[in-house]
């Protein structure tokens, strides 16, 4: 082929030389005279045995390293779950006991503080391992920096006050300004720095400051976040050293920790494209400055005000909550944490029980453990969503509760259909605040699409027919509202249930979810408490006003 003028030939061959197998790289190429006539073939080979052997060893080493990294991640995930699960029970029970004692020198208070520190240590080790393994992803979303920093300060203000410290904020960033950033990771950084400041400060104050420097004709802004304390300080020659893992400055306080808080914060800031620097403060403490270059997010347009005057949630609303966990101790802790919340809570110990309970009754929130024997939380969620769609139920919240703190776990929960995930161990405040925030998000959806779409379809686009249907609907709802007002202070629960059943059909026709939920609580779980009755009256009156507005539109009234 080379003699015929084809391309040169190259190949790998194994040969036996003096009884030893060698690997060679062979080549052949035709050669011509000055007139272009083919004269013959020349070729040769190179001994590439060592190179091939080295390449195989490198591939094997790479495969082993990848397998080791995978096994390490799996081990950390398992250990995270195994440690956090009992820690959830320990912290939960101690927290409730401490709230009853209210004495800082009580042994229970000391034990609770130690357990809380242990939780922080476990979190630090896990986070650092994930960063070292490259398992941390930065997820950008439009975020208000002012709101994020206010939330961080609110989280630690009580802890500062318990030490007699003042936590001050000076945030010079408009609340409406939105930037693309990872709110979870930036909150983690700020929380770490605030925790350190409080931990190493015995008197004085902590200051959280933030400034924005607008860059003309640029899509990005320069943002600086500074946390300054009046604590024991760090020697200037240690500023860089403490950003390395496991390096700690010995202080008189002897505060517990792993020496990972600052390194984790510095690495997270670096992943976000920023810098973290330490300086001395005028008060003798430490000032930590985080500098970030953040892309501005387009302002999110507010939706046009809808004609609906109905509220989407009643403040302090008492919810029906179904709690699912196959560990008895977890159910006991959650029951105690919910005891003073004002919510109605049902406890079940398996996914199959939860599914049966949800099919027979109505719940606003389902809080389920993710890793359970038999039907796990992911499978339960998929079944619940199917049940919700089949029966055209109003949206309700499904919240996962897991001790696995890996980002992949959250993705798995959301893919299964959960609305949010809470990570164990959970304090009572974290649990109740988490449920409240999730419910606020779910309940803010008052309807799907045009609330009168179904009425219009029934009327077949005939305006007179639509007016007639609306008038009949309005008359029935007014009668039901009058009946509920008359009976809600009495004991005739059957009459209330009757009116609630009729109203549920009216709310469903208008796709008005808040009203549907209250009616389901009455119909399914026989709740006739004052708060539920007040909510039903409020929602019914609101939807009546909505129908009246629609009728006024037909009559040409303003």
Protein backbone atom coordinates (compact mmCIF):
# COMPACT_ATOMS: atom_id res chain seq x y z
CA UNK A 1 0.00 0.00 0.00
CA UNK A 2 2.88 2.34 0.70
CA UNK A 3 4.38 1.46 -2.74
CA UNK A 4 1.10 2.35 -4.42
CA UNK A 5 1.39 5.87 -3.03
CA UNK A 6 -1.13 5.61 -0.19
CA UNK A 7 -0.69 7.41 3.11
CA UNK A 8 2.08 6.28 5.48
CA UNK A 9 1.20 3.37 7.73
CA UNK A 10 1.45 3.53 11.55
CA UNK A 11 0.47 0.83 14.04
CA UNK A 12 1.11 -0.62 17.51
CA UNK A 13 2.43 -4.16 17.59
CA UNK A 14 3.46 -6.63 20.25
CA UNK A 15 6.60 -8.59 19.42
CA UNK A 16 8.75 -11.21 21.14
CA UNK A 17 12.42 -10.24 21.41
CA UNK A 18 14.78 -12.70 23.04
CA UNK A 19 11.86 -14.42 24.71
CA UNK A 20 10.43 -11.18 26.14
CA UNK A 21 7.24 -9.51 24.99
CA UNK A 22 7.75 -5.90 23.95
CA UNK A 23 5.39 -3.25 22.60
CA UNK A 24 6.46 -1.35 19.53
CA UNK A 25 5.25 1.56 17.43
CA UNK A 26 5.74 0.68 13.75
CA UNK A 27 5.80 2.96 10.72
CA UNK A 28 6.18 2.46 6.97
CA UNK A 29 6.38 5.06 4.24
CA UNK A 30 7.22 4.95 0.55
CA UNK A 31 10.10 7.05 -0.77
CA UNK A 32 10.59 8.57 -4.20
CA UNK A 33 13.41 9.97 -6.30
CA UNK A 34 13.69 13.57 -7.37
CA UNK A 35 11.44 12.88 -10.32
CA UNK A 36 8.68 11.49 -8.07
CA UNK A 37 9.07 7.87 -9.04
CA UNK A 38 8.42 5.37 -6.22
CA UNK A 39 11.65 3.61 -5.39
CA UNK A 40 10.74 1.56 -2.33
CA UNK A 41 9.60 1.53 1.28
CA UNK A 42 11.38 2.60 4.40
CA UNK A 43 10.21 1.95 7.92
CA UNK A 44 11.14 1.34 11.49
CA UNK A 45 9.81 0.88 14.98
CA UNK A 46 10.16 2.35 18.45
CA UNK A 47 10.11 0.38 21.67
CA UNK A 48 7.24 1.96 23.64
CA UNK A 49 6.93 -0.76 26.27
CA UNK A 50 7.79 1.55 29.17
CA UNK A 51 5.50 4.31 27.91
CA UNK A 52 2.58 1.90 27.51
CA UNK A 53 3.22 0.39 30.93
CA UNK A 54 3.30 3.85 32.52
CA UNK A 55 0.05 4.84 30.77
CA UNK A 56 -1.67 1.69 32.05
CA UNK A 57 -0.43 2.35 35.57
CA UNK A 58 -1.66 5.95 35.38
CA UNK A 59 -5.10 4.81 34.20
CA UNK A 60 -5.24 2.24 36.98
CA UNK A 61 -4.19 4.84 39.55
CA UNK A 62 -6.81 7.26 38.23
CA UNK A 63 -9.52 4.61 38.41
CA UNK A 64 -8.48 3.72 41.95
CA UNK A 65 -8.51 7.40 42.96
CA UNK A 66 -11.97 7.91 41.47
CA UNK A 67 -13.23 4.79 43.22
CA UNK A 68 -11.67 5.94 46.49
CA UNK A 69 -13.27 9.37 46.10
CA UNK A 70 -16.64 7.75 45.41
CA UNK A 71 -16.29 5.44 48.41
CA UNK A 72 -15.25 8.39 50.59
CA UNK A 73 -18.33 10.34 49.51
CA UNK A 74 -20.53 7.31 50.17
CA UNK A 75 -18.93 6.84 53.57
CA UNK A 76 -19.43 10.50 54.47
CA UNK A 77 -23.05 10.33 53.36
CA UNK A 78 -23.66 7.22 55.48
CA UNK A 79 -21.81 8.64 58.48
CA UNK A 80 -23.63 11.95 58.11
CA UNK A 81 -26.94 10.09 58.27
CA UNK A 82 -25.90 7.76 61.09
CA UNK A 83 -24.52 10.60 63.26
CA UNK A 84 -27.09 13.28 62.51
CA UNK A 85 -30.08 11.00 63.12
CA UNK A 86 -29.43 10.35 66.85
CA UNK A 87 -28.07 13.88 67.23
CA UNK A 88 -31.45 15.16 66.05
CA UNK A 89 -33.10 13.42 68.99
CA UNK A 90 -30.44 14.61 71.47
CA UNK A 91 -30.54 18.27 70.42
CA UNK A 92 -34.32 18.31 70.06
CA UNK A 93 -35.03 16.97 73.55
CA UNK A 94 -32.29 19.05 75.22
CA UNK A 95 -33.53 22.21 73.51
CA UNK A 96 -37.07 21.68 74.79
CA UNK A 97 -35.79 20.91 78.30
CA UNK A 98 -33.59 24.02 78.30
CA UNK A 99 -36.55 26.22 77.35
CA UNK A 100 -38.36 24.96 80.43
CA UNK A 101 -35.39 25.47 82.78
CA UNK A 102 -34.25 28.89 81.46
CA UNK A 103 -31.02 28.75 83.52
CA UNK A 104 -27.70 29.15 81.72
CA UNK A 105 -25.78 27.24 84.39
CA UNK A 106 -28.17 24.30 84.39
CA UNK A 107 -26.52 20.99 83.40
CA UNK A 108 -29.11 20.52 80.66
CA UNK A 109 -28.17 23.90 79.18
CA UNK A 110 -24.50 22.92 79.20
CA UNK A 111 -25.31 19.60 77.53
CA UNK A 112 -27.41 21.38 74.89
CA UNK A 113 -24.56 23.80 74.12
CA UNK A 114 -22.15 20.86 73.80
CA UNK A 115 -24.52 19.03 71.46
CA UNK A 116 -24.96 22.18 69.40
CA UNK A 117 -21.17 22.52 69.13
CA UNK A 118 -20.93 18.87 68.07
CA UNK A 119 -23.46 19.55 65.33
CA UNK A 120 -21.30 22.42 64.07
CA UNK A 121 -18.16 20.28 64.12
CA UNK A 122 -19.83 17.51 62.12
CA UNK A 123 -21.08 20.05 59.61
CA UNK A 124 -17.63 21.62 59.24
CA UNK A 125 -15.88 18.29 58.66
CA UNK A 126 -18.49 17.24 56.11
CA UNK A 127 -18.38 20.57 54.27
CA UNK A 128 -14.58 20.59 54.14
CA UNK A 129 -14.51 17.04 52.82
CA UNK A 130 -16.99 17.98 50.09
CA UNK A 131 -14.95 21.02 49.11
CA UNK A 132 -11.72 19.00 48.97
CA UNK A 133 -13.43 16.38 46.80
CA UNK A 134 -14.78 19.06 44.45
CA UNK A 135 -18.38 18.15 45.30
CA UNK A 136 -19.51 21.72 45.97
CA UNK A 137 -21.50 23.35 43.18
CA UNK A 138 -22.28 27.06 43.07
CA UNK A 139 -25.91 27.60 42.03
CA UNK A 140 -26.74 31.18 41.06
CA UNK A 141 -30.17 32.71 41.49
CA UNK A 142 -31.50 36.29 41.74
CA UNK A 143 -31.15 37.28 45.39
CA UNK A 144 -31.62 40.37 47.54
CA UNK A 145 -28.37 40.81 49.48
CA UNK A 146 -30.08 43.01 52.05
CA UNK A 147 -32.70 40.37 52.80
CA UNK A 148 -30.05 37.64 52.96
CA UNK A 149 -27.87 39.59 55.41
CA UNK A 150 -30.86 40.65 57.53
CA UNK A 151 -31.88 36.99 57.85
CA UNK A 152 -28.35 36.00 58.91
CA UNK A 153 -28.26 38.75 61.54
CA UNK A 154 -31.69 37.77 62.86
CA UNK A 155 -30.53 34.17 63.24
CA UNK A 156 -27.65 35.12 65.55
CA UNK A 157 -29.05 38.16 67.36
CA UNK A 158 -30.51 36.09 70.21
CA UNK A 159 -27.27 34.13 70.62
CA UNK A 160 -25.35 37.41 70.86
CA UNK A 161 -27.78 38.78 73.43
CA UNK A 162 -27.36 35.64 75.55
CA UNK A 163 -23.66 36.56 75.88
CA UNK A 164 -24.48 40.21 76.60
CA UNK A 165 -23.29 41.30 73.16
CA UNK A 166 -24.87 43.76 70.76
CA UNK A 167 -25.22 42.72 67.11
CA UNK A 168 -25.42 45.81 64.90
CA UNK A 169 -26.06 45.98 61.16
CA UNK A 170 -25.30 48.72 58.62
CA UNK A 171 -26.32 47.49 55.17
CA UNK A 172 -26.04 50.17 52.49
CA UNK A 173 -27.60 48.13 49.70
CA UNK A 174 -31.13 48.81 48.40
CA UNK A 175 -33.53 46.07 49.37
CA UNK A 176 -34.82 45.89 45.80
CA UNK A 177 -31.35 45.34 44.31
CA UNK A 178 -31.05 41.77 43.00
CA UNK A 179 -27.81 39.98 42.12
CA UNK A 180 -26.93 36.55 40.77
CA UNK A 181 -25.41 34.56 43.63
CA UNK A 182 -25.61 31.31 45.57
CA UNK A 183 -27.74 32.41 48.52
CA UNK A 184 -27.21 29.16 50.45
CA UNK A 185 -23.41 29.28 50.23
CA UNK A 186 -23.14 33.01 50.91
CA UNK A 187 -25.44 32.62 53.93
CA UNK A 188 -23.18 29.81 55.12
CA UNK A 189 -20.15 32.10 54.89
CA UNK A 190 -21.82 34.97 56.74
CA UNK A 191 -23.21 32.61 59.39
CA UNK A 192 -19.76 31.08 59.92
CA UNK A 193 -18.19 34.51 60.38
CA UNK A 194 -20.93 35.71 62.75
CA UNK A 195 -20.64 32.52 64.78
CA UNK A 196 -16.87 32.96 65.08
CA UNK A 197 -17.28 36.60 66.09
CA UNK A 198 -19.75 35.73 68.85
CA UNK A 199 -17.73 32.72 69.99
CA UNK A 200 -14.52 34.72 70.52
CA UNK A 201 -16.08 37.91 71.94
CA UNK A 202 -16.93 38.23 75.63
CA UNK A 203 -18.00 41.87 75.75
CA UNK A 204 -18.78 44.72 73.41
CA UNK A 205 -20.42 44.33 70.04
CA UNK A 206 -20.45 42.61 66.67
CA UNK A 207 -20.94 44.72 63.55
CA UNK A 208 -22.20 43.47 60.19
CA UNK A 209 -21.65 46.00 57.42
CA UNK A 210 -22.26 45.78 53.70
CA UNK A 211 -21.61 48.23 50.88
CA UNK A 212 -22.14 48.19 47.15
CA UNK A 213 -19.95 49.96 44.60
CA UNK A 214 -21.74 50.42 41.30
CA UNK A 215 -19.54 50.12 38.23
CA UNK A 216 -20.69 52.40 35.42
CA UNK A 217 -21.40 50.74 32.08
CA UNK A 218 -20.71 47.35 33.63
CA UNK A 219 -23.19 44.53 34.36
CA UNK A 220 -21.46 43.72 37.66
CA UNK A 221 -21.25 45.47 41.03
CA UNK A 222 -18.52 45.30 43.64
CA UNK A 223 -19.94 44.20 46.99
CA UNK A 224 -18.10 44.12 50.31
CA UNK A 225 -19.39 42.42 53.44
CA UNK A 226 -17.53 43.11 56.67
CA UNK A 227 -17.95 41.49 60.08
CA UNK A 228 -16.07 43.13 62.93
CA UNK A 229 -15.92 42.04 66.56
CA UNK A 230 -14.43 43.42 69.77
CA UNK A 231 -13.07 40.07 70.88
CA UNK A 232 -9.65 38.70 71.72
CA UNK A 233 -8.27 39.25 68.22
CA UNK A 234 -5.75 37.31 66.12
CA UNK A 235 -2.01 38.14 65.87
CA UNK A 236 -1.32 39.76 62.47
CA UNK A 237 1.25 37.10 61.60
CA UNK A 238 -1.52 34.49 61.89
CA UNK A 239 -3.98 36.10 59.44
CA UNK A 240 -2.99 33.82 56.57
CA UNK A 241 -2.32 30.76 58.72
CA UNK A 242 -5.86 30.61 60.16
CA UNK A 243 -7.21 30.29 56.62
CA UNK A 244 -5.55 26.88 56.44
CA UNK A 245 -7.37 23.75 57.70
CA UNK A 246 -7.14 22.79 61.37
CA UNK A 247 -5.08 25.87 62.37
CA UNK A 248 -6.39 27.47 65.53
CA UNK A 249 -5.25 30.41 67.61
CA UNK A 250 -5.05 29.59 71.30
CA UNK A 251 -7.22 32.01 73.26
CA UNK A 252 -8.22 32.48 76.85
CA UNK A 253 -11.77 31.52 75.97
CA UNK A 254 -10.71 28.07 74.80
CA UNK A 255 -13.75 28.00 72.53
CA UNK A 256 -14.42 24.60 70.96
CA UNK A 257 -14.10 24.07 67.24
CA UNK A 258 -12.30 22.28 64.45
CA UNK A 259 -10.36 25.15 62.95
CA UNK A 260 -12.35 24.66 59.75
CA UNK A 261 -14.84 27.55 59.84
CA UNK A 262 -12.55 30.18 58.30
CA UNK A 263 -10.94 27.82 55.73
CA UNK A 264 -14.38 26.66 54.59
CA UNK A 265 -15.58 30.26 54.31
CA UNK A 266 -12.46 31.29 52.36
CA UNK A 267 -12.82 28.38 49.93
CA UNK A 268 -16.53 29.04 49.39
CA UNK A 269 -15.84 32.71 48.70
CA UNK A 270 -13.10 31.71 46.25
CA UNK A 271 -15.55 29.38 44.48
CA UNK A 272 -17.85 32.40 44.12
CA UNK A 273 -15.00 34.36 42.54
CA UNK A 274 -14.32 36.57 45.55
CA UNK A 275 -11.76 37.12 48.29
CA UNK A 276 -11.79 36.84 52.08
CA UNK A 277 -9.30 38.87 54.13
CA UNK A 278 -8.63 39.40 57.84
CA UNK A 279 -7.66 42.70 59.46
CA UNK A 280 -7.30 44.03 62.95
CA UNK A 281 -10.16 46.16 64.26
CA UNK A 282 -9.95 49.40 66.24
CA UNK A 283 -11.57 47.66 69.19
CA UNK A 284 -8.77 45.09 69.31
CA UNK A 285 -10.79 42.33 67.74
CA UNK A 286 -10.89 41.01 64.19
CA UNK A 287 -12.47 42.39 61.03
CA UNK A 288 -13.19 39.93 58.21
CA UNK A 289 -13.95 41.37 54.77
CA UNK A 290 -15.58 39.43 51.95
CA UNK A 291 -15.31 41.07 48.52
CA UNK A 292 -17.43 39.83 45.62
CA UNK A 293 -18.05 40.92 42.06
CA UNK A 294 -21.72 40.14 41.43
CA UNK A 295 -23.72 40.35 38.24
CA UNK A 296 -26.86 42.40 38.50
CA UNK A 297 -30.09 40.48 38.01
CA UNK A 298 -32.87 41.99 35.96
CA UNK A 299 -35.59 43.40 38.12
CA UNK A 300 -38.39 40.90 38.52
CA UNK A 301 -41.63 42.59 37.39
CA UNK A 302 -44.41 42.43 39.92
CA UNK A 303 -47.60 40.82 38.65
CA UNK A 304 -50.55 43.06 37.91
CA UNK A 305 -52.89 43.27 40.88
CA UNK A 306 -55.64 40.73 40.43
CA UNK A 307 -59.25 41.54 41.16
CA UNK A 308 -59.20 38.86 43.85
CA UNK A 309 -59.52 40.42 47.26
CA UNK A 310 -59.25 37.13 49.11
CA UNK A 311 -56.27 36.54 51.33
CA UNK A 312 -54.18 33.50 50.45
CA UNK A 313 -53.32 32.64 54.05
CA UNK A 314 -54.47 33.53 57.52
CA UNK A 315 -51.70 34.80 59.79
CA UNK A 316 -50.69 32.15 62.29
CA UNK A 317 -52.82 29.61 60.47
CA UNK A 318 -53.21 26.30 62.28
CA UNK A 319 -52.25 23.56 59.83
CA UNK A 320 -52.96 19.86 59.54
CA UNK A 321 -49.53 18.20 59.48
CA UNK A 322 -48.75 14.54 58.83
CA UNK A 323 -45.36 13.44 60.20
CA UNK A 324 -43.80 10.24 58.83
CA UNK A 325 -40.71 8.55 60.33
CA UNK A 326 -39.87 4.91 60.96
CA UNK A 327 -37.81 5.70 64.09
CA UNK A 328 -39.93 6.02 67.23
CA UNK A 329 -37.51 8.43 68.92
CA UNK A 330 -37.69 10.82 65.96
CA UNK A 331 -41.48 10.79 66.09
CA UNK A 332 -41.38 11.53 69.81
CA UNK A 333 -39.01 14.47 69.33
CA UNK A 334 -41.04 15.92 66.47
CA UNK A 335 -44.24 15.53 68.48
CA UNK A 336 -42.67 17.52 71.34
CA UNK A 337 -41.35 20.17 68.95
CA UNK A 338 -44.78 20.63 67.39
CA UNK A 339 -46.61 20.47 70.74
CA UNK A 340 -46.70 24.24 71.32
CA UNK A 341 -47.01 25.22 67.65
CA UNK A 342 -50.81 25.28 67.47
CA UNK A 343 -50.79 22.88 64.51
CA UNK A 344 -52.76 19.63 64.38
CA UNK A 345 -50.22 16.84 64.02
CA UNK A 346 -50.70 13.16 63.15
CA UNK A 347 -47.77 10.74 63.55
CA UNK A 348 -47.26 7.57 61.49
CA UNK A 349 -44.29 5.22 61.36
CA UNK A 350 -44.23 4.03 57.74
CA UNK A 351 -44.76 5.23 54.20
CA UNK A 352 -47.67 2.85 53.63
CA UNK A 353 -49.46 4.16 56.75
CA UNK A 354 -48.86 7.72 55.58
CA UNK A 355 -50.34 6.99 52.16
CA UNK A 356 -53.44 5.43 53.73
CA UNK A 357 -53.80 8.35 56.15
CA UNK A 358 -53.43 10.94 53.36
CA UNK A 359 -56.06 9.17 51.24
CA UNK A 360 -58.58 9.14 54.10
CA UNK A 361 -57.92 12.61 55.55
CA UNK A 362 -56.62 15.99 54.44
CA UNK A 363 -53.22 17.45 55.38
CA UNK A 364 -51.72 20.81 54.50
CA UNK A 365 -48.17 19.58 55.08
CA UNK A 366 -46.60 16.12 54.93
CA UNK A 367 -43.22 15.98 56.70
CA UNK A 368 -41.54 12.72 55.76
CA UNK A 369 -38.22 11.10 56.53
CA UNK A 370 -36.44 10.23 53.30
CA UNK A 371 -34.67 6.99 54.26
CA UNK A 372 -37.26 4.59 55.67
CA UNK A 373 -37.66 0.84 55.60
CA UNK A 374 -40.24 -0.40 53.12
CA UNK A 375 -41.71 2.58 51.28
CA UNK A 376 -39.14 5.40 51.48
CA UNK A 377 -39.92 9.10 51.40
CA UNK A 378 -39.26 9.47 47.67
CA UNK A 379 -41.73 6.72 46.72
CA UNK A 380 -44.29 8.07 49.19
CA UNK A 381 -44.00 11.52 47.63
CA UNK A 382 -44.63 10.19 44.12
CA UNK A 383 -47.73 8.32 45.34
CA UNK A 384 -49.01 11.41 47.15
CA UNK A 385 -48.59 13.60 44.07
CA UNK A 386 -50.48 11.04 41.97
CA UNK A 387 -53.29 10.99 44.55
CA UNK A 388 -53.38 14.79 44.55
CA UNK A 389 -53.73 14.92 40.76
CA UNK A 390 -56.34 12.15 40.58
CA UNK A 391 -58.61 13.87 43.08
CA UNK A 392 -57.88 17.43 41.88
CA UNK A 393 -56.86 18.49 45.36
CA UNK A 394 -55.43 21.94 46.13
CA UNK A 395 -51.62 22.02 46.33
CA UNK A 396 -50.19 20.94 49.67
CA UNK A 397 -46.61 20.88 50.90
CA UNK A 398 -44.46 17.76 51.00
CA UNK A 399 -41.27 18.35 52.97
CA UNK A 400 -38.40 15.90 53.16
CA UNK A 401 -36.48 15.47 56.38
CA UNK A 402 -33.06 13.85 56.03
CA UNK A 403 -29.73 13.55 57.79
CA UNK A 404 -27.92 13.44 54.43
CA UNK A 405 -26.51 16.93 53.89
CA UNK A 406 -25.20 16.34 50.36
CA UNK A 407 -26.56 18.55 47.56
CA UNK A 408 -27.39 15.45 45.52
CA UNK A 409 -29.85 14.41 48.24
CA UNK A 410 -31.78 17.66 47.87
CA UNK A 411 -31.88 17.21 44.10
CA UNK A 412 -33.24 13.69 44.56
CA UNK A 413 -35.97 14.94 46.89
CA UNK A 414 -37.06 17.72 44.54
CA UNK A 415 -37.09 15.35 41.57
CA UNK A 416 -39.42 13.04 43.53
CA UNK A 417 -41.88 15.92 43.94
CA UNK A 418 -41.04 17.34 47.36
CA UNK A 419 -41.32 21.10 47.84
CA UNK A 420 -38.35 21.47 50.17
CA UNK A 421 -35.88 19.54 52.32
CA UNK A 422 -34.96 20.10 55.97
CA UNK A 423 -31.63 18.75 57.24
CA UNK A 424 -31.36 16.98 60.58
CA UNK A 425 -30.66 17.73 63.34
CA UNK A 426 -33.42 20.31 63.54
CA UNK A 427 -33.98 22.75 66.37
CA UNK A 428 -37.56 23.64 67.20
CA UNK A 429 -37.10 27.12 65.75
CA UNK A 430 -35.56 25.77 62.53
CA UNK A 431 -38.39 23.24 62.17
CA UNK A 432 -41.28 25.64 62.76
CA UNK A 433 -39.73 28.48 60.75
CA UNK A 434 -38.96 26.08 57.91
CA UNK A 435 -42.54 24.79 57.83
CA UNK A 436 -43.91 28.35 58.00
CA UNK A 437 -41.76 29.56 55.09
CA UNK A 438 -42.62 26.56 52.92
CA UNK A 439 -46.33 26.89 53.68
CA UNK A 440 -46.24 30.61 52.88
CA UNK A 441 -44.78 29.79 49.49
CA UNK A 442 -47.33 27.06 48.78
CA UNK A 443 -50.35 28.97 50.04
CA UNK A 444 -49.44 32.10 48.05
CA UNK A 445 -50.85 30.29 45.01
CA UNK A 446 -54.54 31.11 45.35
CA UNK A 447 -55.70 29.82 41.99
CA UNK A 448 -54.61 28.30 38.71
CA UNK A 449 -55.14 30.49 35.67
CA UNK A 450 -58.45 32.34 35.20
CA UNK A 451 -60.70 31.66 38.18
CA UNK A 452 -63.79 32.05 35.99
CA UNK A 453 -62.55 29.78 33.19
CA UNK A 454 -64.70 26.84 34.28
CA UNK A 455 -67.78 29.04 34.64
CA UNK A 456 -67.18 30.42 31.16
CA UNK A 457 -66.82 26.91 29.75
CA UNK A 458 -70.11 25.84 31.34
CA UNK A 459 -71.80 28.94 29.91
CA UNK A 460 -70.30 28.23 26.47
CA UNK A 461 -69.13 31.85 26.12
CA UNK A 462 -72.71 33.11 26.60
CA UNK A 463 -72.46 36.18 28.86
CA UNK A 464 -76.10 35.98 29.96
CA UNK A 465 -75.70 32.32 30.86
CA UNK A 466 -72.50 33.15 32.76
CA UNK A 467 -74.31 35.86 34.72
CA UNK A 468 -77.05 33.39 35.62
CA UNK A 469 -74.53 30.81 36.83
CA UNK A 470 -72.65 33.42 38.86
CA UNK A 471 -75.88 34.70 40.43
CA UNK A 472 -76.86 31.17 41.47
CA UNK A 473 -73.35 30.55 42.83
CA UNK A 474 -73.41 33.84 44.73
CA UNK A 475 -76.82 33.13 46.27
CA UNK A 476 -75.69 29.69 47.47
CA UNK A 477 -72.46 31.00 49.00
CA UNK A 478 -74.28 33.82 50.79
CA UNK A 479 -76.67 31.26 52.30
CA UNK A 480 -73.76 29.05 53.36
CA UNK A 481 -71.92 32.00 54.89
CA UNK A 482 -75.01 32.97 56.88
CA UNK A 483 -75.42 29.37 58.05
CA UNK A 484 -71.81 29.10 59.21
CA UNK A 485 -72.03 32.41 61.09
CA UNK A 486 -75.20 31.22 62.82
CA UNK A 487 -73.84 27.82 63.79
CA UNK A 488 -70.12 28.39 64.42
CA UNK A 489 -70.60 29.31 68.07
CA UNK A 490 -72.96 26.41 68.69
CA UNK A 491 -72.60 22.66 68.78
CA UNK A 492 -74.43 21.72 65.56
CA UNK A 493 -71.35 20.45 63.79
CA UNK A 494 -73.39 18.53 61.23
CA UNK A 495 -74.83 21.79 59.88
CA UNK A 496 -71.37 23.35 59.70
CA UNK A 497 -70.04 20.28 57.88
CA UNK A 498 -72.98 20.51 55.47
CA UNK A 499 -72.25 24.14 54.63
CA UNK A 500 -68.51 23.42 54.37
CA UNK A 501 -69.23 20.63 51.90
CA UNK A 502 -71.31 22.96 49.74
CA UNK A 503 -68.70 25.71 49.92
CA UNK A 504 -65.96 23.28 48.95
CA UNK A 505 -67.78 22.64 45.67
CA UNK A 506 -68.09 26.39 45.07
CA UNK A 507 -64.43 27.01 45.85
CA UNK A 508 -63.41 24.12 43.59
CA UNK A 509 -65.46 25.58 40.73
CA UNK A 510 -63.45 28.80 41.09
CA UNK A 511 -60.17 26.97 41.79
CA UNK A 512 -59.82 28.92 45.04
CA UNK A 513 -57.32 26.84 47.01
CA UNK A 514 -57.34 28.58 50.42
CA UNK A 515 -61.07 28.04 50.78
CA UNK A 516 -60.83 24.45 49.53
CA UNK A 517 -58.18 23.68 52.16
CA UNK A 518 -60.26 24.97 55.06
CA UNK A 519 -63.31 23.03 53.87
CA UNK A 520 -61.24 19.86 53.59
CA UNK A 521 -59.99 20.31 57.15
CA UNK A 522 -63.59 20.44 58.33
CA UNK A 523 -64.88 17.61 56.12
CA UNK A 524 -61.98 15.19 56.46
CA UNK A 525 -60.61 15.79 59.95
CA UNK A 526 -63.68 17.21 61.71
CA UNK A 527 -62.00 20.43 62.79
CA UNK A 528 -64.51 22.90 64.19
CA UNK A 529 -62.20 25.10 66.28
CA UNK A 530 -62.63 28.87 66.34
CA UNK A 531 -59.62 29.58 64.14
CA UNK A 532 -60.82 27.23 61.40
CA UNK A 533 -64.32 28.74 61.52
CA UNK A 534 -62.91 32.28 61.34
CA UNK A 535 -60.78 31.32 58.34
CA UNK A 536 -63.77 29.79 56.55
CA UNK A 537 -65.86 32.93 57.13
CA UNK A 538 -63.00 35.13 55.95
CA UNK A 539 -62.37 33.15 52.76
CA UNK A 540 -66.07 32.83 51.94
CA UNK A 541 -66.63 36.56 52.34
CA UNK A 542 -63.62 37.24 50.13
CA UNK A 543 -64.73 34.95 47.31
CA UNK A 544 -68.25 36.41 47.50
CA UNK A 545 -66.72 39.85 46.88
CA UNK A 546 -64.85 38.39 43.91
CA UNK A 547 -68.05 37.05 42.32
CA UNK A 548 -69.80 40.36 43.02
CA UNK A 549 -66.99 42.18 41.19
CA UNK A 550 -67.46 39.87 38.22
CA UNK A 551 -71.20 40.56 38.11
CA UNK A 552 -70.57 44.31 38.38
CA UNK A 553 -68.30 44.01 35.35
CA UNK A 554 -71.20 42.58 33.34
CA UNK A 555 -73.51 45.34 34.53
CA UNK A 556 -70.95 47.98 33.57
CA UNK A 557 -70.61 49.24 37.16
CA UNK A 558 -67.34 50.68 38.50
